[in-house]
Amino acid sequence: MAKKTSPIRLNIYVHDPNIRRQIKEMTARQDVSISEYCLRAIKGQLSREQKAAHKEENPLKKAVKKAGRFQRTFRGRIFTISSADLIRESREGRNS
């Protein structure tokens, strides 16, 4: 027999009486408790945020794509200046 878990309490403080009134009105219209209404709203928000997070590109994948575009721009040509010199020049420019 599976053991039923007890619900975990989550307190929500509402400082605006108008928001509280709107929530009570909506729960009455939908014939649900305030807890159920808030839980539905939270689940909906979590779902939207998770979908948005999946759409965001992984930073490593993004860097690889940029590197690929950079390589295609130069079509195999070789730089005549060393990367160390370029970095050193850039640092000197920032510090002056």
PDB file of N, CA and C in Angstrom:
ATOM      1  N   MET A   1       0.840  -1.181   0.000  1.00  0.00           N
ATOM      2  CA  MET A   1       0.000   0.000   0.000  1.00  0.00           C
ATOM      3  C   MET A   1       0.882   1.240   0.000  1.00  0.00           C
ATOM      4  N   ALA A   2       0.650   2.171  -0.918  1.00  0.00           N
ATOM      5  CA  ALA A   2       1.459   3.385  -1.033  1.00  0.00           C
ATOM      6  C   ALA A   2       1.121   4.361   0.086  1.00  0.00           C
ATOM      7  N   LYS A   3       2.157   4.942   0.641  1.00  0.00           N
ATOM      8  CA  LYS A   3       1.976   5.922   1.711  1.00  0.00           C
ATOM      9  C   LYS A   3       1.644   7.285   1.105  1.00  0.00           C
ATOM     10  N   LYS A   4       0.589   7.888   1.593  1.00  0.00           N
ATOM     11  CA  LYS A   4       0.176   9.203   1.094  1.00  0.00           C
ATOM     12  C   LYS A   4       0.994  10.284   1.802  1.00  0.00           C
ATOM     13  N   THR A   5       1.575  11.201   1.023  1.00  0.00           N
ATOM     14  CA  THR A   5       2.377  12.262   1.617  1.00  0.00           C
ATOM     15  C   THR A   5       1.497  13.443   1.991  1.00  0.00           C
ATOM     16  N   SER A   6       1.873  14.102   3.054  1.00  0.00           N
ATOM     17  CA  SER A   6       1.138  15.280   3.503  1.00  0.00           C
ATOM     18  C   SER A   6       1.532  16.476   2.643  1.00  0.00           C
ATOM     19  N   PRO A   7       0.589  17.377   2.397  1.00  0.00           N
ATOM     20  CA  PRO A   7       0.942  18.569   1.621  1.00  0.00           C
ATOM     21  C   PRO A   7       1.908  19.457   2.401  1.00  0.00           C
ATOM     22  N   ILE A   8       2.712  20.171   1.678  1.00  0.00           N
ATOM     23  CA  ILE A   8       3.664  21.107   2.274  1.00  0.00           C
ATOM     24  C   ILE A   8       3.053  22.498   2.196  1.00  0.00           C
ATOM     25  N   ARG A   9       3.109  23.217   3.293  1.00  0.00           N
ATOM     26  CA  ARG A   9       2.516  24.548   3.359  1.00  0.00           C
ATOM     27  C   ARG A   9       3.431  25.571   2.693  1.00  0.00           C
ATOM     28  N   LEU A  10       2.817  26.455   1.940  1.00  0.00           N
ATOM     29  CA  LEU A  10       3.510  27.580   1.309  1.00  0.00           C
ATOM     30  C   LEU A  10       2.691  28.825   1.620  1.00  0.00           C
ATOM     31  N   ASN A  11       3.279  29.750   2.326  1.00  0.00           N
ATOM     32  CA  ASN A  11       2.561  30.982   2.687  1.00  0.00           C
ATOM     33  C   ASN A  11       2.783  32.039   1.624  1.00  0.00           C
ATOM     34  N   ILE A  12       1.709  32.699   1.257  1.00  0.00           N
ATOM     35  CA  ILE A  12       1.785  33.787   0.288  1.00  0.00           C
ATOM     36  C   ILE A  12       1.217  35.034   0.955  1.00  0.00           C
ATOM     37  N   TYR A  13       2.012  36.055   0.995  1.00  0.00           N
ATOM     38  CA  TYR A  13       1.580  37.308   1.609  1.00  0.00           C
ATOM     39  C   TYR A  13       1.152  38.269   0.506  1.00  0.00           C
ATOM     40  N   VAL A  14      -0.075  38.751   0.614  1.00  0.00           N
ATOM     41  CA  VAL A  14      -0.623  39.692  -0.358  1.00  0.00           C
ATOM     42  C   VAL A  14      -0.860  41.004   0.364  1.00  0.00           C
ATOM     43  N   HIS A  15      -0.139  42.033  -0.030  1.00  0.00           N
ATOM     44  CA  HIS A  15      -0.248  43.328   0.640  1.00  0.00           C
ATOM     45  C   HIS A  15      -1.332  44.220   0.035  1.00  0.00           C
ATOM     46  N   ASP A  16      -1.739  43.891  -1.178  1.00  0.00           N
ATOM     47  CA  ASP A  16      -2.747  44.702  -1.862  1.00  0.00           C
ATOM     48  C   ASP A  16      -4.128  44.072  -1.672  1.00  0.00           C
ATOM     49  N   PRO A  17      -5.036  44.733  -0.945  1.00  0.00           N
ATOM     50  CA  PRO A  17      -6.365  44.155  -0.711  1.00  0.00           C
ATOM     51  C   PRO A  17      -7.153  43.937  -2.008  1.00  0.00           C
ATOM     52  N   ASN A  18      -6.869  44.729  -3.041  1.00  0.00           N
ATOM     53  CA  ASN A  18      -7.566  44.542  -4.325  1.00  0.00           C
ATOM     54  C   ASN A  18      -7.192  43.211  -4.972  1.00  0.00           C
ATOM     55  N   ILE A  19      -5.936  42.841  -4.895  1.00  0.00           N
ATOM     56  CA  ILE A  19      -5.500  41.551  -5.451  1.00  0.00           C
ATOM     57  C   ILE A  19      -6.183  40.415  -4.687  1.00  0.00           C
ATOM     58  N   ARG A  20      -6.199  40.530  -3.388  1.00  0.00           N
ATOM     59  CA  ARG A  20      -6.842  39.495  -2.552  1.00  0.00           C
ATOM     60  C   ARG A  20      -8.324  39.372  -2.920  1.00  0.00           C
ATOM     61  N   ARG A  21      -8.984  40.488  -3.103  1.00  0.00           N
ATOM     62  CA  ARG A  21     -10.404  40.494  -3.470  1.00  0.00           C
ATOM     63  C   ARG A  21     -10.600  39.828  -4.839  1.00  0.00           C
ATOM     64  N   GLN A  22      -9.723  40.142  -5.786  1.00  0.00           N
ATOM     65  CA  GLN A  22      -9.821  39.543  -7.124  1.00  0.00           C
ATOM     66  C   GLN A  22      -9.631  38.022  -7.066  1.00  0.00           C
ATOM     67  N   ILE A  23      -8.676  37.588  -6.254  1.00  0.00           N
ATOM     68  CA  ILE A  23      -8.437  36.148  -6.115  1.00  0.00           C
ATOM     69  C   ILE A  23      -9.669  35.466  -5.521  1.00  0.00           C
ATOM     70  N   LYS A  24     -10.229  36.063  -4.476  1.00  0.00           N
ATOM     71  CA  LYS A  24     -11.421  35.475  -3.842  1.00  0.00           C
ATOM     72  C   LYS A  24     -12.590  35.416  -4.825  1.00  0.00           C
ATOM     73  N   GLU A  25     -12.721  36.460  -5.649  1.00  0.00           N
ATOM     74  CA  GLU A  25     -13.797  36.491  -6.642  1.00  0.00           C
ATOM     75  C   GLU A  25     -13.611  35.376  -7.669  1.00  0.00           C
ATOM     76  N   MET A  26     -12.393  35.216  -8.154  1.00  0.00           N
ATOM     77  CA  MET A  26     -12.131  34.195  -9.164  1.00  0.00           C
ATOM     78  C   MET A  26     -12.309  32.784  -8.602  1.00  0.00           C
ATOM     79  N   THR A  27     -11.890  32.583  -7.363  1.00  0.00           N
ATOM     80  CA  THR A  27     -12.054  31.245  -6.770  1.00  0.00           C
ATOM     81  C   THR A  27     -13.528  30.912  -6.581  1.00  0.00           C
ATOM     82  N   ALA A  28     -14.314  31.919  -6.235  1.00  0.00           N
ATOM     83  CA  ALA A  28     -15.758  31.699  -6.082  1.00  0.00           C
ATOM     84  C   ALA A  28     -16.383  31.363  -7.434  1.00  0.00           C
ATOM     85  N   ARG A  29     -15.979  32.084  -8.481  1.00  0.00           N
ATOM     86  CA  ARG A  29     -16.519  31.813  -9.829  1.00  0.00           C
ATOM     87  C   ARG A  29     -16.168  30.408 -10.302  1.00  0.00           C
ATOM     88  N   GLN A  30     -14.943  29.982  -9.988  1.00  0.00           N
ATOM     89  CA  GLN A  30     -14.479  28.669 -10.448  1.00  0.00           C
ATOM     90  C   GLN A  30     -14.789  27.553  -9.457  1.00  0.00           C
ATOM     91  N   ASP A  31     -15.349  27.919  -8.308  1.00  0.00           N
ATOM     92  CA  ASP A  31     -15.697  26.958  -7.258  1.00  0.00           C
ATOM     93  C   ASP A  31     -14.487  26.108  -6.851  1.00  0.00           C
ATOM     94  N   VAL A  32     -13.363  26.800  -6.597  1.00  0.00           N
ATOM     95  CA  VAL A  32     -12.152  26.142  -6.106  1.00  0.00           C
ATOM     96  C   VAL A  32     -11.641  26.905  -4.888  1.00  0.00           C
ATOM     97  N   SER A  33     -10.805  26.257  -4.128  1.00  0.00           N
ATOM     98  CA  SER A  33     -10.229  26.922  -2.960  1.00  0.00           C
ATOM     99  C   SER A  33      -9.144  27.903  -3.407  1.00  0.00           C
ATOM    100  N   ILE A  34      -8.817  28.817  -2.521  1.00  0.00           N
ATOM    101  CA  ILE A  34      -7.733  29.764  -2.817  1.00  0.00           C
ATOM    102  C   ILE A  34      -6.432  28.997  -3.017  1.00  0.00           C
ATOM    103  N   SER A  35      -6.203  27.969  -2.215  1.00  0.00           N
ATOM    104  CA  SER A  35      -4.983  27.150  -2.355  1.00  0.00           C
ATOM    105  C   SER A  35      -4.911  26.519  -3.739  1.00  0.00           C
ATOM    106  N   GLU A  36      -6.034  25.939  -4.182  1.00  0.00           N
ATOM    107  CA  GLU A  36      -6.050  25.292  -5.501  1.00  0.00           C
ATOM    108  C   GLU A  36      -5.830  26.323  -6.613  1.00  0.00           C
ATOM    109  N   TYR A  37      -6.467  27.464  -6.493  1.00  0.00           N
ATOM    110  CA  TYR A  37      -6.320  28.525  -7.494  1.00  0.00           C
ATOM    111  C   TYR A  37      -4.854  28.978  -7.589  1.00  0.00           C
ATOM    112  N   CYS A  38      -4.242  29.227  -6.438  1.00  0.00           N
ATOM    113  CA  CYS A  38      -2.840  29.678  -6.416  1.00  0.00           C
ATOM    114  C   CYS A  38      -1.914  28.591  -6.944  1.00  0.00           C
ATOM    115  N   LEU A  39      -2.185  27.334  -6.590  1.00  0.00           N
ATOM    116  CA  LEU A  39      -1.359  26.232  -7.077  1.00  0.00           C
ATOM    117  C   LEU A  39      -1.442  26.128  -8.597  1.00  0.00           C
ATOM    118  N   ARG A  40      -2.630  26.284  -9.146  1.00  0.00           N
ATOM    119  CA  ARG A  40      -2.785  26.271 -10.614  1.00  0.00           C
ATOM    120  C   ARG A  40      -1.985  27.408 -11.261  1.00  0.00           C
ATOM    121  N   ALA A  41      -2.073  28.590 -10.660  1.00  0.00           N
ATOM    122  CA  ALA A  41      -1.345  29.746 -11.197  1.00  0.00           C
ATOM    123  C   ALA A  41       0.170  29.514 -11.147  1.00  0.00           C
ATOM    124  N   ILE A  42       0.635  28.957 -10.048  1.00  0.00           N
ATOM    125  CA  ILE A  42       2.074  28.690  -9.901  1.00  0.00           C
ATOM    126  C   ILE A  42       2.525  27.638 -10.910  1.00  0.00           C
ATOM    127  N   LYS A  43       1.746  26.571 -11.056  1.00  0.00           N
ATOM    128  CA  LYS A  43       2.097  25.523 -12.026  1.00  0.00           C
ATOM    129  C   LYS A  43       2.128  26.083 -13.450  1.00  0.00           C
ATOM    130  N   GLY A  44       1.166  26.939 -13.766  1.00  0.00           N
ATOM    131  CA  GLY A  44       1.140  27.561 -15.094  1.00  0.00           C
ATOM    132  C   GLY A  44       2.368  28.412 -15.339  1.00  0.00           C
ATOM    133  N   GLN A  45       2.757  29.199 -14.346  1.00  0.00           N
ATOM    134  CA  GLN A  45       3.938  30.056 -14.476  1.00  0.00           C
ATOM    135  C   GLN A  45       5.201  29.208 -14.624  1.00  0.00           C
ATOM    136  N   LEU A  46       5.310  28.148 -13.820  1.00  0.00           N
ATOM    137  CA  LEU A  46       6.470  27.260 -13.917  1.00  0.00           C
ATOM    138  C   LEU A  46       6.569  26.636 -15.298  1.00  0.00           C
ATOM    139  N   SER A  47       5.442  26.220 -15.832  1.00  0.00           N
ATOM    140  CA  SER A  47       5.417  25.615 -17.163  1.00  0.00           C
ATOM    141  C   SER A  47       5.898  26.602 -18.224  1.00  0.00           C
ATOM    142  N   ARG A  48       5.403  27.849 -18.156  1.00  0.00           N
ATOM    143  CA  ARG A  48       5.833  28.868 -19.125  1.00  0.00           C
ATOM    144  C   ARG A  48       7.328  29.142 -19.010  1.00  0.00           C
ATOM    145  N   GLU A  49       7.831  29.220 -17.790  1.00  0.00           N
ATOM    146  CA  GLU A  49       9.249  29.499 -17.589  1.00  0.00           C
ATOM    147  C   GLU A  49      10.122  28.345 -18.060  1.00  0.00           C
ATOM    148  N   GLN A  50       9.653  27.109 -17.855  1.00  0.00           N
ATOM    149  CA  GLN A  50      10.419  25.958 -18.323  1.00  0.00           C
ATOM    150  C   GLN A  50      10.472  25.915 -19.844  1.00  0.00           C
ATOM    151  N   LYS A  51       9.354  26.242 -20.493  1.00  0.00           N
ATOM    152  CA  LYS A  51       9.345  26.288 -21.962  1.00  0.00           C
ATOM    153  C   LYS A  51      10.298  27.359 -22.468  1.00  0.00           C
ATOM    154  N   ALA A  52      10.295  28.517 -21.819  1.00  0.00           N
ATOM    155  CA  ALA A  52      11.194  29.604 -22.222  1.00  0.00           C
ATOM    156  C   ALA A  52      12.646  29.206 -22.007  1.00  0.00           C
ATOM    157  N   ALA A  53      12.931  28.491 -20.919  1.00  0.00           N
ATOM    158  CA  ALA A  53      14.308  28.062 -20.633  1.00  0.00           C
ATOM    159  C   ALA A  53      14.789  27.070 -21.685  1.00  0.00           C
ATOM    160  N   HIS A  54      13.897  26.212 -22.171  1.00  0.00           N
ATOM    161  CA  HIS A  54      14.289  25.245 -23.197  1.00  0.00           C
ATOM    162  C   HIS A  54      14.575  25.930 -24.530  1.00  0.00           C
ATOM    163  N   LYS A  55      13.926  27.062 -24.768  1.00  0.00           N
ATOM    164  CA  LYS A  55      14.149  27.793 -26.016  1.00  0.00           C
ATOM    165  C   LYS A  55      15.487  28.512 -26.018  1.00  0.00           C
ATOM    166  N   GLU A  56      15.968  28.879 -24.814  1.00  0.00           N
ATOM    167  CA  GLU A  56      17.253  29.560 -24.726  1.00  0.00           C
ATOM    168  C   GLU A  56      18.348  28.601 -25.144  1.00  0.00           C
ATOM    169  N   GLU A  57      19.305  29.131 -25.868  1.00  0.00           N
ATOM    170  CA  GLU A  57      20.376  28.300 -26.386  1.00  0.00           C
ATOM    171  C   GLU A  57      21.460  28.090 -25.334  1.00  0.00           C
ATOM    172  N   ASN A  58      21.976  26.887 -25.291  1.00  0.00           N
ATOM    173  CA  ASN A  58      23.084  26.544 -24.419  1.00  0.00           C
ATOM    174  C   ASN A  58      24.280  27.442 -24.762  1.00  0.00           C
ATOM    175  N   PRO A  59      24.930  28.088 -23.765  1.00  0.00           N
ATOM    176  CA  PRO A  59      26.044  28.994 -24.047  1.00  0.00           C
ATOM    177  C   PRO A  59      27.185  28.340 -24.819  1.00  0.00           C
ATOM    178  N   LEU A  60      27.475  27.085 -24.545  1.00  0.00           N
ATOM    179  CA  LEU A  60      28.550  26.396 -25.264  1.00  0.00           C
ATOM    180  C   LEU A  60      28.171  26.194 -26.727  1.00  0.00           C
ATOM    181  N   LYS A  61      26.932  25.784 -26.973  1.00  0.00           N
ATOM    182  CA  LYS A  61      26.477  25.605 -28.359  1.00  0.00           C
ATOM    183  C   LYS A  61      26.517  26.932 -29.098  1.00  0.00           C
ATOM    184  N   LYS A  62      26.137  27.993 -28.404  1.00  0.00           N
ATOM    185  CA  LYS A  62      26.145  29.324 -29.000  1.00  0.00           C
ATOM    186  C   LYS A  62      27.569  29.733 -29.393  1.00  0.00           C
ATOM    187  N   ALA A  63      28.539  29.451 -28.512  1.00  0.00           N
ATOM    188  CA  ALA A  63      29.941  29.786 -28.786  1.00  0.00           C
ATOM    189  C   ALA A  63      30.471  28.981 -29.976  1.00  0.00           C
ATOM    190  N   VAL A  64      30.085  27.715 -30.058  1.00  0.00           N
ATOM    191  CA  VAL A  64      30.529  26.871 -31.177  1.00  0.00           C
ATOM    192  C   VAL A  64      29.964  27.398 -32.491  1.00  0.00           C
ATOM    193  N   LYS A  65      28.699  27.816 -32.474  1.00  0.00           N
ATOM    194  CA  LYS A  65      28.096  28.381 -33.695  1.00  0.00           C
ATOM    195  C   LYS A  65      28.820  29.649 -34.127  1.00  0.00           C
ATOM    196  N   LYS A  66      29.138  30.516 -33.148  1.00  0.00           N
ATOM    197  CA  LYS A  66      29.858  31.753 -33.469  1.00  0.00           C
ATOM    198  C   LYS A  66      31.226  31.438 -34.055  1.00  0.00           C
ATOM    199  N   ALA A  67      31.911  30.457 -33.481  1.00  0.00           N
ATOM    200  CA  ALA A  67      33.234  30.075 -33.986  1.00  0.00           C
ATOM    201  C   ALA A  67      33.125  29.546 -35.413  1.00  0.00           C
ATOM    202  N   GLY A  68      32.076  28.768 -35.676  1.00  0.00           N
ATOM    203  CA  GLY A  68      31.859  28.252 -37.033  1.00  0.00           C
ATOM    204  C   GLY A  68      31.629  29.371 -38.037  1.00  0.00           C
ATOM    205  N   ARG A  69      30.821  30.365 -37.646  1.00  0.00           N
ATOM    206  CA  ARG A  69      30.584  31.517 -38.537  1.00  0.00           C
ATOM    207  C   ARG A  69      31.881  32.287 -38.777  1.00  0.00           C
ATOM    208  N   PHE A  70      32.667  32.435 -37.723  1.00  0.00           N
ATOM    209  CA  PHE A  70      33.944  33.140 -37.831  1.00  0.00           C
ATOM    210  C   PHE A  70      34.866  32.408 -38.807  1.00  0.00           C
ATOM    211  N   GLN A  71      34.942  31.086 -38.701  1.00  0.00           N
ATOM    212  CA  GLN A  71      35.791  30.301 -39.598  1.00  0.00           C
ATOM    213  C   GLN A  71      35.327  30.438 -41.045  1.00  0.00           C
ATOM    214  N   ARG A  72      34.024  30.372 -41.271  1.00  0.00           N
ATOM    215  CA  ARG A  72      33.511  30.478 -42.641  1.00  0.00           C
ATOM    216  C   ARG A  72      33.811  31.846 -43.241  1.00  0.00           C
ATOM    217  N   THR A  73      33.857  32.879 -42.401  1.00  0.00           N
ATOM    218  CA  THR A  73      34.150  34.226 -42.880  1.00  0.00           C
ATOM    219  C   THR A  73      35.535  34.291 -43.507  1.00  0.00           C
ATOM    220  N   PHE A  74      36.489  33.588 -42.908  1.00  0.00           N
ATOM    221  CA  PHE A  74      37.877  33.663 -43.390  1.00  0.00           C
ATOM    222  C   PHE A  74      38.236  32.545 -44.353  1.00  0.00           C
ATOM    223  N   ARG A  75      37.367  31.607 -44.582  1.00  0.00           N
ATOM    224  CA  ARG A  75      37.523  30.538 -45.579  1.00  0.00           C
ATOM    225  C   ARG A  75      38.933  29.930 -45.597  1.00  0.00           C
ATOM    226  N   GLY A  76      39.441  29.579 -44.451  1.00  0.00           N
ATOM    227  CA  GLY A  76      40.719  28.884 -44.377  1.00  0.00           C
ATOM    228  C   GLY A  76      41.946  29.773 -44.460  1.00  0.00           C
ATOM    229  N   ARG A  77      41.759  31.076 -44.633  1.00  0.00           N
ATOM    230  CA  ARG A  77      42.922  31.964 -44.664  1.00  0.00           C
ATOM    231  C   ARG A  77      43.604  31.980 -43.302  1.00  0.00           C
ATOM    232  N   ILE A  78      44.874  32.234 -43.292  1.00  0.00           N
ATOM    233  CA  ILE A  78      45.649  32.224 -42.063  1.00  0.00           C
ATOM    234  C   ILE A  78      45.965  33.657 -41.668  1.00  0.00           C
ATOM    235  N   PHE A  79      45.844  33.934 -40.349  1.00  0.00           N
ATOM    236  CA  PHE A  79      46.201  35.259 -39.849  1.00  0.00           C
ATOM    237  C   PHE A  79      47.714  35.439 -39.938  1.00  0.00           C
ATOM    238  N   THR A  80      48.126  36.647 -40.260  1.00  0.00           N
ATOM    239  CA  THR A  80      49.564  36.925 -40.339  1.00  0.00           C
ATOM    240  C   THR A  80      50.112  37.456 -39.019  1.00  0.00           C
ATOM    241  N   ILE A  81      49.240  37.711 -38.068  1.00  0.00           N
ATOM    242  CA  ILE A  81      49.660  38.204 -36.759  1.00  0.00           C
ATOM    243  C   ILE A  81      49.300  37.138 -35.708  1.00  0.00           C
ATOM    244  N   SER A  82      50.116  37.023 -34.695  1.00  0.00           N
ATOM    245  CA  SER A  82      49.839  35.994 -33.690  1.00  0.00           C
ATOM    246  C   SER A  82      48.688  36.437 -32.782  1.00  0.00           C
ATOM    247  N   SER A  83      47.941  35.454 -32.277  1.00  0.00           N
ATOM    248  CA  SER A  83      46.829  35.768 -31.388  1.00  0.00           C
ATOM    249  C   SER A  83      47.340  36.383 -30.088  1.00  0.00           C
ATOM    250  N   ALA A  84      48.535  35.979 -29.648  1.00  0.00           N
ATOM    251  CA  ALA A  84      49.111  36.550 -28.429  1.00  0.00           C
ATOM    252  C   ALA A  84      49.333  38.052 -28.594  1.00  0.00           C
ATOM    253  N   ASP A  85      49.808  38.456 -29.788  1.00  0.00           N
ATOM    254  CA  ASP A  85      50.011  39.883 -30.050  1.00  0.00           C
ATOM    255  C   ASP A  85      48.676  40.639 -30.055  1.00  0.00           C
ATOM    256  N   LEU A  86      47.659  40.039 -30.639  1.00  0.00           N
ATOM    257  CA  LEU A  86      46.338  40.673 -30.663  1.00  0.00           C
ATOM    258  C   LEU A  86      45.794  40.863 -29.247  1.00  0.00           C
ATOM    259  N   ILE A  87      45.949  39.843 -28.412  1.00  0.00           N
ATOM    260  CA  ILE A  87      45.483  39.927 -27.021  1.00  0.00           C
ATOM    261  C   ILE A  87      46.257  40.997 -26.270  1.00  0.00           C
ATOM    262  N   ARG A  88      47.567  41.002 -26.451  1.00  0.00           N
ATOM    263  CA  ARG A  88      48.405  41.991 -25.772  1.00  0.00           C
ATOM    264  C   ARG A  88      48.004  43.405 -26.187  1.00  0.00           C
ATOM    265  N   GLU A  89      47.785  43.610 -27.466  1.00  0.00           N
ATOM    266  CA  GLU A  89      47.368  44.928 -27.991  1.00  0.00           C
ATOM    267  C   GLU A  89      46.029  45.352 -27.390  1.00  0.00           C
ATOM    268  N   SER A  90      45.118  44.413 -27.319  1.00  0.00           N
ATOM    269  CA  SER A  90      43.796  44.711 -26.768  1.00  0.00           C
ATOM    270  C   SER A  90      43.889  45.101 -25.290  1.00  0.00           C
ATOM    271  N   ARG A  91      44.708  44.385 -24.548  1.00  0.00           N
ATOM    272  CA  ARG A  91      44.879  44.694 -23.132  1.00  0.00           C
ATOM    273  C   ARG A  91      45.530  46.061 -22.942  1.00  0.00           C
ATOM    274  N   GLU A  92      46.509  46.363 -23.769  1.00  0.00           N
ATOM    275  CA  GLU A  92      47.164  47.668 -23.674  1.00  0.00           C
ATOM    276  C   GLU A  92      46.183  48.786 -23.973  1.00  0.00           C
ATOM    277  N   GLY A  93      45.312  48.563 -24.925  1.00  0.00           N
ATOM    278  CA  GLY A  93      44.308  49.557 -25.283  1.00  0.00           C
ATOM    279  C   GLY A  93      43.319  49.807 -24.173  1.00  0.00           C
ATOM    280  N   ARG A  94      42.966  48.768 -23.439  1.00  0.00           N
ATOM    281  CA  ARG A  94      42.036  48.916 -22.309  1.00  0.00           C
ATOM    282  C   ARG A  94      42.684  49.656 -21.155  1.00  0.00           C
ATOM    283  N   ASN A  95      43.966  49.395 -20.936  1.00  0.00           N
ATOM    284  CA  ASN A  95      44.663  49.961 -19.777  1.00  0.00           C
ATOM    285  C   ASN A  95      45.150  51.392 -20.000  1.00  0.00           C
ATOM    286  N   SER A  96      45.123  51.865 -21.214  1.00  0.00           N
ATOM    287  CA  SER A  96      45.626  53.237 -21.443  1.00  0.00           C
ATOM    288  C   SER A  96      44.540  54.257 -21.404  1.00  0.00           C
TER     289      SER A  96
END
